[in-house]
Amino acid sequence: MKRDILINAGARETRVAILEDDQLVELLVERPDSRRMVGDIYLGKVEAVLPGIQAAFVNIGTEKAAFLHASDLVYDEGGDPEEPDDDDDSDESSSRASKRRAAAPSIEEVLKKGQDLLVQVSKEPISTKGPRVTAQISLAGRFIVYMPSASRVGVSRKISDREERRRLKELVGAVLPDDAGGVIVRTVSEDATQETFRRELETLMNTWKRIVRKKRFMRAPALIHRETNMTRGLMRDLFSDKVESLVVDSRQVHGEILEYLNGIAPELGNRVKLYEESTPLFDKYEIETEIRDLFKRRCDLPSGGYLIIEQTEALVSIDVNSGRFVGKKDPEKTSLKTNTEAAREIARQLRLRDVGGIIVCDFIDMEVQANRDRVLQELRMHLSRDRARTKAFAVSELGLVEMTRQRVRQSHLQNMTEPCPTCAGTGRVFTPETILRRMERSVRRMASDGRKENLVVRLHPETALHVLTEEQDLLRKLEKSVGFSLELRDDPLLKPDEFKLVVKGAGRDVTQQYAVA
């Protein structure tokens, strides 16, 4: 698989596009006013301890207090550390997580209100929730992750060779001082030497010592350590010999990348290229249209089918439709082809849109169990390329595939858009007929209150046009019914489903007084 990275860096925004086989699969965006928080370490103050949900709220200086669960306290030093950015799709790992939660002490035994606590952000604020934090601090390097509160050496599950895992454990174990903490060997470490591990471990341990010293002189809430910026983090976590090229359109960022690579992987420097053409970088690679389309509900498939992707507060629903693709003779083959294409595209769209949490996919019904299994296998194969942890469950009795995807920050839709002031985020507005019926009820409500003041009825131009073309006698009949005059005026400043009732002459707006529903 060919993989390329494009970096479009500007003064107010940096965008990173990851391409696989010349197709956009991942988009990262960073702006000065919305800097990423995951990995930042804070000295927080415990605001509340809630035994009923075994959690605490910690003030770290953000708008909303951070959420800390009992399972994220430092309490278990016996288990193998796990790499935070690796996929984890095994039943064994799920049972380990369950055992850790069950072994967690009662939170009120460990934390008290007003206590200072060193925590690390593990999930950014999403929707109405504050950030999530953990007391199990981890410091990521290129080859290892250092965890001061752990006690063993673990190896990334993506390194499957048993002999290689044993060799890496021995290399790192030889340079890890006794009682110095735990280490996770990362996926890119397969060719690393013992000296490389030693240098990086020393760097991370010195960073931890600085954090501990700094903590003594800070007053909670305070930021103690900031995670590296998005571009450097990308170089550390993703840029390896598996990436064919990295193209950046900023001379300054190009220089920073080369300087950083000289310290961690100088052999990769020749893969970094400075883009200097007049055509914008993302236009040159023809991905601006794909970025624009990631905000649309509909996503077309090659054969003519399409997906409808709906993000809600509780979950993301994905509906697969055959569209104009009707096949030839066998409906089962038609469904299989559409579903297979959909499985590939669903995996890509989840990465591209950066959506997470619970995801429910409604594939086209298929009668043959082998075909259902084939579609599920296709979905899981493409999900395996995702850096976020994902898990796809078997097809349910209703023909749905339920999934989970690790969510550490808001999706691009949540981050780059805001609720529509007209529809309040529903994506729908009332029809002209509905608005006129509401207006009628409001006028009748005013009449039943004994008010006999002549009114000016202000409507959005589209609604006013509907009156003139479809309901020409509306105002005449309403006037006769209520006993006072009504004058219609269009007002382009109104929202599409808004109307106003204004007392003629006095100019007094009485809409809120009488408009209920």
Protein backbone atom coordinates (compact mmCIF):
# COMPACT_ATOMS: atom_id res chain seq x y z
CA MET A 1 0.00 0.00 0.00
CA LYS A 2 1.39 3.39 -1.06
CA ARG A 3 1.09 6.05 1.64
CA ASP A 4 1.77 9.80 1.31
CA ILE A 5 1.39 12.76 3.69
CA LEU A 6 0.55 16.31 2.57
CA ILE A 7 0.89 19.30 4.91
CA ASN A 8 -0.78 22.60 4.05
CA ALA A 9 0.50 25.11 6.64
CA GLY A 10 -0.84 28.63 7.02
CA ALA A 11 -0.66 31.34 9.68
CA ARG A 12 -4.11 30.49 11.12
CA GLU A 13 -4.53 26.85 10.15
CA THR A 14 -2.48 23.73 9.50
CA ARG A 15 -4.07 20.84 7.60
CA VAL A 16 -2.56 17.40 7.20
CA ALA A 17 -3.92 14.96 4.60
CA ILE A 18 -2.96 11.28 4.66
CA LEU A 19 -3.33 9.45 1.33
CA GLU A 20 -3.33 5.69 0.79
CA ASP A 21 -3.00 4.55 -2.83
CA ASP A 22 -3.61 8.20 -3.87
CA GLN A 23 -6.96 8.30 -2.02
CA LEU A 24 -7.62 10.65 0.91
CA VAL A 25 -8.24 8.60 4.08
CA GLU A 26 -7.46 10.94 6.96
CA LEU A 27 -7.60 14.69 7.58
CA LEU A 28 -6.07 16.47 10.58
CA VAL A 29 -6.73 20.15 11.27
CA GLU A 30 -5.13 22.39 13.88
CA ARG A 31 -5.89 26.05 14.56
CA PRO A 32 -4.42 28.36 17.21
CA ASP A 33 -7.82 28.78 18.92
CA SER A 34 -8.60 25.03 18.96
CA ARG A 35 -5.30 23.39 19.84
CA ARG A 36 -5.40 19.68 20.62
CA MET A 37 -5.37 18.80 24.31
CA VAL A 38 -4.88 15.01 24.31
CA GLY A 39 -1.59 14.22 26.05
CA ASP A 40 -1.37 17.53 27.96
CA ILE A 41 -0.55 17.11 31.66
CA TYR A 42 -2.20 19.32 34.30
CA LEU A 43 -2.01 19.82 38.02
CA GLY A 44 -5.71 19.69 38.83
CA LYS A 45 -7.81 20.20 41.94
CA VAL A 46 -10.52 17.67 42.82
CA GLU A 47 -13.85 19.52 42.81
CA ALA A 48 -16.21 16.66 43.60
CA VAL A 49 -16.02 12.95 44.38
CA LEU A 50 -19.07 10.91 43.33
CA PRO A 51 -19.11 7.38 44.82
CA GLY A 52 -22.38 6.60 43.04
CA ILE A 53 -20.66 6.56 39.64
CA GLN A 54 -17.13 5.90 40.96
CA ALA A 55 -15.81 9.09 39.40
CA ALA A 56 -14.53 12.54 40.28
CA PHE A 57 -14.59 15.94 38.63
CA VAL A 58 -11.22 17.69 38.50
CA ASN A 59 -10.69 21.39 37.82
CA ILE A 60 -7.83 21.73 35.30
CA GLY A 61 -8.67 25.29 34.22
CA THR A 62 -10.95 24.41 31.30
CA GLU A 63 -14.51 25.74 30.91
CA LYS A 64 -15.94 22.48 32.27
CA ALA A 65 -14.36 20.30 34.93
CA ALA A 66 -12.58 17.16 33.70
CA PHE A 67 -14.04 13.70 34.32
CA LEU A 68 -11.85 11.12 36.09
CA HIS A 69 -13.08 7.53 36.52
CA ALA A 70 -11.83 5.29 39.33
CA SER A 71 -10.31 2.88 36.76
CA ASP A 72 -8.00 5.71 35.61
CA LEU A 73 -6.39 6.13 39.02
CA VAL A 74 -2.95 4.71 39.73
CA TYR A 75 -3.86 1.52 41.53
CA ASP A 76 -2.75 -1.52 39.52
CA GLU A 77 0.96 -2.09 39.05
CA GLY A 78 0.67 -5.77 38.24
CA GLY A 79 -0.70 -5.69 34.71
CA ASP A 80 1.19 -5.30 31.47
CA PRO A 81 1.03 -1.78 30.12
CA GLU A 82 -0.87 -1.32 26.88
CA GLU A 83 -0.02 0.99 24.01
CA PRO A 84 -2.59 3.81 23.95
CA ASP A 85 -2.67 4.32 20.19
CA ASP A 86 -2.84 0.70 19.03
CA ASP A 87 -5.89 -1.23 17.89
CA ASP A 88 -7.22 -3.64 20.49
CA ASP A 89 -9.82 -5.97 19.05
CA SER A 90 -9.31 -9.14 21.10
CA ASP A 91 -11.73 -10.65 23.62
CA GLU A 92 -8.75 -11.14 25.93
CA SER A 93 -8.05 -7.41 26.04
CA SER A 94 -11.72 -6.68 26.78
CA SER A 95 -11.67 -9.07 29.71
CA ARG A 96 -8.44 -7.47 30.98
CA ALA A 97 -10.14 -4.06 30.87
CA SER A 98 -13.15 -5.47 32.75
CA LYS A 99 -10.86 -6.95 35.41
CA ARG A 100 -9.08 -3.61 35.81
CA ARG A 101 -12.42 -1.85 36.33
CA ALA A 102 -13.52 -4.48 38.83
CA ALA A 103 -10.22 -4.19 40.74
CA ALA A 104 -10.43 -0.40 41.01
CA PRO A 105 -10.68 0.80 44.63
CA SER A 106 -13.63 2.89 45.81
CA ILE A 107 -12.81 6.36 44.62
CA GLU A 108 -13.73 8.00 47.93
CA GLU A 109 -10.93 5.98 49.55
CA VAL A 110 -8.35 7.51 47.24
CA LEU A 111 -9.52 11.05 46.47
CA LYS A 112 -10.84 13.87 48.64
CA LYS A 113 -12.42 17.16 47.61
CA GLY A 114 -9.80 19.91 47.35
CA GLN A 115 -6.93 17.47 46.76
CA ASP A 116 -4.27 18.34 44.14
CA LEU A 117 -3.77 15.65 41.50
CA LEU A 118 -1.53 15.27 38.46
CA VAL A 119 -3.67 14.18 35.47
CA GLN A 120 -3.31 13.78 31.70
CA VAL A 121 -6.01 14.53 29.13
CA SER A 122 -7.15 11.33 27.39
CA LYS A 123 -10.23 12.73 25.63
CA GLU A 124 -11.00 16.30 24.59
CA PRO A 125 -14.27 18.08 25.42
CA ILE A 126 -17.03 16.74 23.17
CA SER A 127 -20.46 18.34 22.81
CA THR A 128 -21.70 19.22 26.31
CA LYS A 129 -19.07 17.13 28.15
CA GLY A 130 -15.79 18.34 29.59
CA PRO A 131 -12.45 16.60 28.93
CA ARG A 132 -11.68 13.14 30.28
CA VAL A 133 -8.45 12.68 32.22
CA THR A 134 -6.37 9.86 33.67
CA ALA A 135 -3.92 9.76 36.56
CA GLN A 136 -1.94 7.07 34.72
CA ILE A 137 0.54 9.39 33.00
CA SER A 138 2.28 8.27 29.78
CA LEU A 139 4.99 10.06 27.80
CA ALA A 140 5.26 9.04 24.16
CA GLY A 141 8.52 8.86 22.23
CA ARG A 142 9.06 7.59 18.72
CA PHE A 143 10.01 4.05 19.75
CA ILE A 144 8.65 3.68 23.26
CA VAL A 145 5.96 5.03 25.59
CA TYR A 146 7.19 5.64 29.14
CA MET A 147 4.66 5.13 31.98
CA PRO A 148 6.06 6.21 35.36
CA SER A 149 3.29 4.49 37.35
CA ALA A 150 3.57 1.10 35.60
CA SER A 151 6.11 -1.61 36.36
CA ARG A 152 6.61 -3.86 33.33
CA VAL A 153 7.69 -3.83 29.68
CA GLY A 154 4.92 -4.33 27.13
CA VAL A 155 5.06 -4.64 23.34
CA SER A 156 2.59 -3.31 20.78
CA ARG A 157 0.03 -5.91 19.72
CA LYS A 158 0.70 -4.95 16.10
CA ILE A 159 4.06 -6.75 16.41
CA SER A 160 2.72 -10.30 16.17
CA ASP A 161 5.92 -12.34 15.85
CA ARG A 162 6.47 -14.02 19.23
CA GLU A 163 10.27 -14.15 18.88
CA GLU A 164 10.47 -10.49 17.91
CA ARG A 165 8.30 -9.50 20.87
CA ARG A 166 10.58 -11.42 23.23
CA ARG A 167 13.70 -9.83 21.71
CA LEU A 168 12.32 -6.29 22.04
CA LYS A 169 11.26 -6.92 25.65
CA GLU A 170 14.75 -8.06 26.51
CA LEU A 171 16.39 -5.07 24.79
CA VAL A 172 14.22 -2.54 26.63
CA GLY A 173 14.31 -4.44 29.93
CA ALA A 174 18.10 -4.27 29.89
CA VAL A 175 18.12 -0.44 29.78
CA LEU A 176 15.15 0.14 32.12
CA PRO A 177 16.35 0.86 35.68
CA ASP A 178 14.68 -0.99 38.55
CA ASP A 179 11.57 0.73 39.96
CA ALA A 180 11.78 3.40 37.24
CA GLY A 181 8.32 2.68 35.78
CA GLY A 182 6.98 0.75 32.80
CA VAL A 183 7.57 0.94 29.06
CA ILE A 184 5.57 0.07 25.95
CA VAL A 185 7.55 -0.77 22.81
CA ARG A 186 5.86 0.87 19.83
CA THR A 187 5.17 -0.65 16.42
CA VAL A 188 7.93 1.26 14.57
CA SER A 189 10.58 -0.18 16.92
CA GLU A 190 11.21 -3.44 15.06
CA ASP A 191 14.58 -2.21 13.69
CA ALA A 192 15.60 -0.10 16.70
CA THR A 193 18.80 -0.87 18.59
CA GLN A 194 19.36 -1.08 22.34
CA GLU A 195 21.28 2.22 22.23
CA THR A 196 18.28 3.89 20.54
CA PHE A 197 16.00 2.62 23.30
CA ARG A 198 18.43 3.80 25.98
CA ARG A 199 18.69 7.35 24.57
CA GLU A 200 14.94 7.75 24.19
CA LEU A 201 14.21 6.29 27.62
CA GLU A 202 16.66 8.73 29.22
CA THR A 203 14.98 11.64 27.41
CA LEU A 204 11.49 10.61 28.54
CA MET A 205 12.61 9.95 32.12
CA ASN A 206 14.25 13.39 32.28
CA THR A 207 11.02 14.92 30.97
CA TRP A 208 9.13 13.16 33.77
CA LYS A 209 11.60 14.46 36.37
CA ARG A 210 11.06 18.02 35.09
CA ILE A 211 7.28 17.54 35.35
CA VAL A 212 7.58 16.33 38.96
CA ARG A 213 9.85 19.27 39.88
CA LYS A 214 7.57 21.77 38.15
CA LYS A 215 4.56 20.40 40.00
CA ARG A 216 6.07 21.47 43.35
CA PHE A 217 6.13 25.13 42.36
CA MET A 218 2.72 25.33 40.61
CA ARG A 219 -0.69 26.07 42.07
CA ALA A 220 -3.66 24.06 40.81
CA PRO A 221 -5.22 24.32 38.32
CA ALA A 222 -2.18 24.68 36.04
CA LEU A 223 -0.78 23.29 32.80
CA ILE A 224 2.42 21.38 33.66
CA HIS A 225 3.43 19.81 30.32
CA ARG A 226 2.10 20.37 26.81
CA GLU A 227 2.05 17.57 24.25
CA THR A 228 4.05 18.25 21.08
CA ASN A 229 2.23 20.03 18.24
CA MET A 230 0.30 18.18 15.55
CA THR A 231 3.08 18.19 12.93
CA ARG A 232 5.78 16.90 15.29
CA GLY A 233 3.38 14.35 16.74
CA LEU A 234 2.70 13.10 13.23
CA MET A 235 6.43 12.74 12.53
CA ARG A 236 6.87 10.84 15.79
CA ASP A 237 3.87 8.52 15.50
CA LEU A 238 3.30 7.95 11.78
CA PHE A 239 6.23 8.97 9.58
CA SER A 240 8.31 5.87 8.89
CA ASP A 241 9.79 3.95 5.96
CA LYS A 242 6.21 2.85 5.15
CA VAL A 243 5.44 6.43 4.06
CA GLU A 244 6.60 7.07 0.51
CA SER A 245 6.71 10.86 0.68
CA LEU A 246 5.85 13.87 2.82
CA VAL A 247 5.08 17.07 0.91
CA VAL A 248 4.82 20.40 2.76
CA ASP A 249 4.06 23.84 1.27
CA SER A 250 5.68 25.97 4.02
CA ARG A 251 9.41 26.59 4.03
CA GLN A 252 9.37 27.19 7.79
CA VAL A 253 7.52 23.94 8.58
CA HIS A 254 9.74 22.10 6.09
CA GLY A 255 12.81 23.25 8.02
CA GLU A 256 11.25 22.30 11.38
CA ILE A 257 10.43 18.80 10.10
CA LEU A 258 13.97 18.20 8.79
CA GLU A 259 15.46 19.47 12.06
CA TYR A 260 13.19 17.15 14.08
CA LEU A 261 13.92 14.15 11.83
CA ASN A 262 17.67 14.70 12.17
CA GLY A 263 17.25 13.87 15.85
CA ILE A 264 14.99 10.80 15.55
CA ALA A 265 15.22 9.36 12.02
CA PRO A 266 17.75 11.14 9.75
CA GLU A 267 17.44 8.40 7.10
CA LEU A 268 13.90 9.63 6.33
CA GLY A 269 14.96 13.20 5.50
CA ASN A 270 15.15 12.54 1.73
CA ARG A 271 11.44 11.65 1.70
CA VAL A 272 10.45 15.18 2.80
CA LYS A 273 9.79 17.54 -0.11
CA LEU A 274 9.08 21.27 -0.18
CA TYR A 275 6.18 22.19 -2.49
CA GLU A 276 6.77 25.52 -4.25
CA GLU A 277 4.36 25.53 -7.20
CA SER A 278 1.79 28.34 -7.60
CA THR A 279 -1.15 25.90 -7.61
CA PRO A 280 -2.27 25.26 -4.00
CA LEU A 281 -0.99 21.92 -2.69
CA PHE A 282 -4.38 20.32 -2.00
CA ASP A 283 -5.68 21.46 -5.40
CA LYS A 284 -2.67 19.86 -7.08
CA TYR A 285 -3.54 16.51 -5.48
CA GLU A 286 -7.28 17.06 -6.14
CA ILE A 287 -8.47 16.53 -2.58
CA GLU A 288 -10.19 19.86 -1.77
CA THR A 289 -13.46 18.51 -3.22
CA GLU A 290 -13.24 15.42 -1.02
CA ILE A 291 -12.66 17.60 2.05
CA ARG A 292 -15.74 19.67 1.18
CA ASP A 293 -17.82 16.51 0.69
CA LEU A 294 -16.99 15.06 4.09
CA PHE A 295 -19.61 17.41 5.60
CA LYS A 296 -22.40 15.99 3.41
CA ARG A 297 -24.85 13.34 4.58
CA ARG A 298 -24.70 11.47 1.29
CA CYS A 299 -21.62 9.60 0.07
CA ASP A 300 -21.75 7.96 -3.38
CA LEU A 301 -20.33 4.50 -4.13
CA PRO A 302 -18.59 3.55 -7.43
CA SER A 303 -21.35 1.24 -8.72
CA GLY A 304 -24.18 3.75 -8.18
CA GLY A 305 -25.18 2.95 -4.61
CA TYR A 306 -24.72 5.45 -1.79
CA LEU A 307 -24.40 5.88 1.99
CA ILE A 308 -26.39 8.21 4.23
CA ILE A 309 -24.32 9.16 7.29
CA GLU A 310 -26.14 10.77 10.21
CA GLN A 311 -24.31 11.96 13.33
CA THR A 312 -26.43 12.25 16.47
CA GLU A 313 -25.68 12.83 20.15
CA ALA A 314 -25.98 9.12 20.99
CA LEU A 315 -24.53 7.39 17.93
CA VAL A 316 -23.67 7.56 14.22
CA SER A 317 -26.06 5.78 11.87
CA ILE A 318 -25.01 4.70 8.37
CA ASP A 319 -27.60 3.49 5.86
CA VAL A 320 -26.54 1.62 2.72
CA ASN A 321 -28.70 2.06 -0.39
CA SER A 322 -28.37 0.43 -3.81
CA GLY A 323 -29.45 3.65 -5.57
CA ARG A 324 -29.36 3.36 -9.33
CA PHE A 325 -27.34 0.10 -9.25
CA VAL A 326 -29.86 -2.69 -9.91
CA GLY A 327 -27.52 -5.42 -11.17
CA LYS A 328 -28.58 -7.88 -13.88
CA LYS A 329 -30.41 -11.00 -12.68
CA ASP A 330 -29.37 -12.11 -9.20
CA PRO A 331 -30.49 -9.69 -6.43
CA GLU A 332 -28.19 -11.42 -3.92
CA LYS A 333 -25.14 -10.61 -6.07
CA THR A 334 -26.37 -7.04 -6.47
CA SER A 335 -26.67 -6.66 -2.69
CA LEU A 336 -23.27 -8.28 -2.12
CA LYS A 337 -21.50 -5.97 -4.56
CA THR A 338 -23.11 -2.85 -3.06
CA ASN A 339 -22.46 -3.98 0.52
CA THR A 340 -18.81 -4.83 -0.23
CA GLU A 341 -18.25 -1.39 -1.73
CA ALA A 342 -20.07 0.15 1.23
CA ALA A 343 -17.88 -1.70 3.75
CA ARG A 344 -14.72 -0.27 2.19
CA GLU A 345 -16.17 3.24 2.01
CA ILE A 346 -17.57 3.14 5.57
CA ALA A 347 -14.11 2.36 6.95
CA ARG A 348 -12.64 5.26 4.95
CA GLN A 349 -15.38 7.73 5.86
CA LEU A 350 -15.06 7.00 9.60
CA ARG A 351 -11.36 7.86 9.42
CA LEU A 352 -11.87 10.84 7.14
CA ARG A 353 -14.70 12.38 9.20
CA ASP A 354 -13.01 11.37 12.46
CA VAL A 355 -16.27 10.17 13.99
CA GLY A 356 -16.30 7.86 16.99
CA GLY A 357 -18.39 6.29 19.70
CA ILE A 358 -21.20 3.88 18.79
CA ILE A 359 -21.76 3.36 15.05
CA VAL A 360 -24.66 1.37 13.56
CA CYS A 361 -24.49 0.29 9.89
CA ASP A 362 -27.64 -0.83 8.09
CA PHE A 363 -26.43 -2.88 5.12
CA ILE A 364 -28.75 -4.16 2.37
CA ASP A 365 -30.39 -7.43 3.45
CA MET A 366 -28.73 -10.61 2.19
CA GLU A 367 -30.10 -14.16 2.51
CA VAL A 368 -26.82 -16.10 2.35
CA GLN A 369 -24.86 -16.22 5.62
CA ALA A 370 -21.56 -16.61 3.76
CA ASN A 371 -22.21 -13.30 1.99
CA ARG A 372 -22.93 -11.56 5.30
CA ASP A 373 -19.68 -12.94 6.70
CA ARG A 374 -17.81 -11.77 3.60
CA VAL A 375 -19.07 -8.19 4.00
CA LEU A 376 -18.18 -8.18 7.71
CA GLN A 377 -14.71 -9.50 6.91
CA GLU A 378 -14.25 -6.76 4.29
CA LEU A 379 -15.28 -4.12 6.82
CA ARG A 380 -12.92 -5.44 9.48
CA MET A 381 -10.02 -5.67 7.04
CA HIS A 382 -10.29 -2.00 6.08
CA LEU A 383 -10.92 -0.92 9.69
CA SER A 384 -7.59 -2.55 10.61
CA ARG A 385 -5.80 0.35 8.84
CA ASP A 386 -7.38 2.84 11.25
CA ARG A 387 -5.07 4.32 13.89
CA ALA A 388 -8.05 4.68 16.25
CA ARG A 389 -9.20 1.52 18.04
CA THR A 390 -12.24 0.05 16.31
CA LYS A 391 -14.36 -3.03 16.83
CA ALA A 392 -17.07 -4.38 14.49
CA PHE A 393 -19.49 -6.92 15.97
CA ALA A 394 -21.35 -9.69 14.14
CA VAL A 395 -24.47 -8.92 12.09
CA SER A 396 -27.46 -8.62 14.44
CA GLU A 397 -30.88 -10.25 14.03
CA LEU A 398 -32.11 -7.02 12.45
CA GLY A 399 -29.34 -7.14 9.85
CA LEU A 400 -27.33 -4.33 11.49
CA VAL A 401 -23.60 -4.19 12.11
CA GLU A 402 -22.78 -2.49 15.39
CA MET A 403 -19.35 -0.92 15.82
CA THR A 404 -17.34 1.19 18.21
CA ARG A 405 -14.53 3.57 17.29
CA GLN A 406 -12.21 5.28 19.74
CA ARG A 407 -13.24 8.90 20.19
CA VAL A 408 -10.71 11.31 21.68
CA ARG A 409 -11.91 14.58 20.12
CA GLN A 410 -14.85 16.08 18.27
CA SER A 411 -15.48 15.00 14.68
CA HIS A 412 -14.73 17.45 11.87
CA LEU A 413 -18.48 18.14 11.56
CA GLN A 414 -18.73 19.11 15.23
CA ASN A 415 -15.47 21.05 15.19
CA MET A 416 -15.96 23.05 11.98
CA THR A 417 -19.71 23.67 11.98
CA GLU A 418 -22.25 25.08 14.41
CA PRO A 419 -26.01 24.60 14.80
CA CYS A 420 -28.08 26.39 12.16
CA PRO A 421 -29.77 29.45 13.76
CA THR A 422 -32.90 28.72 11.73
CA CYS A 423 -33.38 24.99 12.25
CA ALA A 424 -31.54 24.80 15.64
CA GLY A 425 -29.40 21.95 14.38
CA THR A 426 -32.18 19.64 13.18
CA GLY A 427 -31.44 20.26 9.51
CA ARG A 428 -35.16 20.88 8.89
CA VAL A 429 -37.39 23.95 8.78
CA PHE A 430 -41.18 24.17 8.91
CA THR A 431 -43.09 24.23 5.61
CA PRO A 432 -45.01 27.40 4.58
CA GLU A 433 -48.31 25.60 5.37
CA THR A 434 -47.13 24.80 8.91
CA ILE A 435 -45.97 28.39 9.47
CA LEU A 436 -49.30 29.80 8.26
CA ARG A 437 -51.28 27.47 10.54
CA ARG A 438 -49.15 28.62 13.49
CA MET A 439 -49.76 32.24 12.48
CA GLU A 440 -53.52 31.58 12.29
CA ARG A 441 -53.61 30.05 15.77
CA SER A 442 -51.65 33.03 17.15
CA VAL A 443 -54.07 35.55 15.65
CA ARG A 444 -57.10 33.61 16.96
CA ARG A 445 -55.44 33.40 20.39
CA MET A 446 -55.10 37.20 20.37
CA ALA A 447 -58.76 37.58 19.40
CA SER A 448 -59.89 35.23 22.19
CA ASP A 449 -57.94 37.42 24.62
CA GLY A 450 -60.24 40.30 23.71
CA ARG A 451 -57.66 42.24 21.68
CA LYS A 452 -59.12 43.97 18.62
CA GLU A 453 -56.03 45.81 17.33
CA ASN A 454 -55.29 45.76 13.62
CA LEU A 455 -52.15 43.77 12.78
CA VAL A 456 -49.35 43.72 10.23
CA VAL A 457 -48.38 40.08 9.55
CA ARG A 458 -44.72 39.81 8.52
CA LEU A 459 -43.64 36.62 6.71
CA HIS A 460 -40.51 35.37 4.99
CA PRO A 461 -40.78 36.05 1.20
CA GLU A 462 -41.14 32.30 0.42
CA THR A 463 -44.07 31.98 2.85
CA ALA A 464 -45.66 35.21 1.59
CA LEU A 465 -45.40 33.89 -1.99
CA HIS A 466 -47.17 30.70 -0.89
CA VAL A 467 -50.07 32.84 0.44
CA LEU A 468 -50.37 34.73 -2.85
CA THR A 469 -50.29 31.60 -5.01
CA GLU A 470 -51.93 28.88 -2.90
CA GLU A 471 -54.02 30.54 -0.16
CA GLN A 472 -55.19 33.87 -1.59
CA ASP A 473 -58.30 34.13 0.59
CA LEU A 474 -56.50 33.27 3.86
CA LEU A 475 -56.31 36.78 5.32
CA ARG A 476 -59.86 37.71 4.23
CA LYS A 477 -61.39 34.68 5.98
CA LEU A 478 -59.21 35.19 9.05
CA GLU A 479 -60.17 38.89 9.29
CA LYS A 480 -63.86 37.95 9.15
CA SER A 481 -63.34 35.39 11.91
CA VAL A 482 -61.39 37.56 14.39
CA GLY A 483 -63.01 40.97 13.75
CA PHE A 484 -59.92 43.09 13.02
CA SER A 485 -57.83 43.80 9.92
CA LEU A 486 -54.70 41.96 8.85
CA GLU A 487 -52.08 43.34 6.44
CA LEU A 488 -49.54 41.00 4.85
CA ARG A 489 -45.92 42.10 4.30
CA ASP A 490 -42.89 40.09 3.26
CA ASP A 491 -39.71 40.55 5.29
CA PRO A 492 -36.45 39.08 3.89
CA LEU A 493 -34.76 39.58 7.27
CA LEU A 494 -36.94 36.89 8.85
CA LYS A 495 -35.83 33.25 9.06
CA PRO A 496 -37.60 30.87 6.62
CA ASP A 497 -39.94 29.50 9.31
CA GLU A 498 -40.44 32.72 11.29
CA PHE A 499 -43.34 35.18 11.36
CA LYS A 500 -44.10 38.37 13.29
CA LEU A 501 -47.35 39.97 14.44
CA VAL A 502 -46.98 43.75 14.77
CA VAL A 503 -49.76 46.12 15.99
CA LYS A 504 -50.46 48.52 13.14
CA GLY A 505 -49.68 52.16 13.92
CA ALA A 506 -48.12 51.50 17.36
CA GLY A 507 -45.50 49.17 15.85
CA ARG A 508 -45.62 46.92 18.94
CA ASP A 509 -44.49 43.32 18.39
CA VAL A 510 -46.93 40.88 20.05
CA THR A 511 -45.60 37.67 18.49
CA GLN A 512 -44.05 36.20 21.64
CA GLN A 513 -47.21 36.90 23.59
CA TYR A 514 -49.47 34.80 21.36
CA ALA A 515 -47.28 32.46 19.28
CA VAL A 516 -47.11 29.16 21.19
CA ALA A 517 -47.17 26.39 18.57
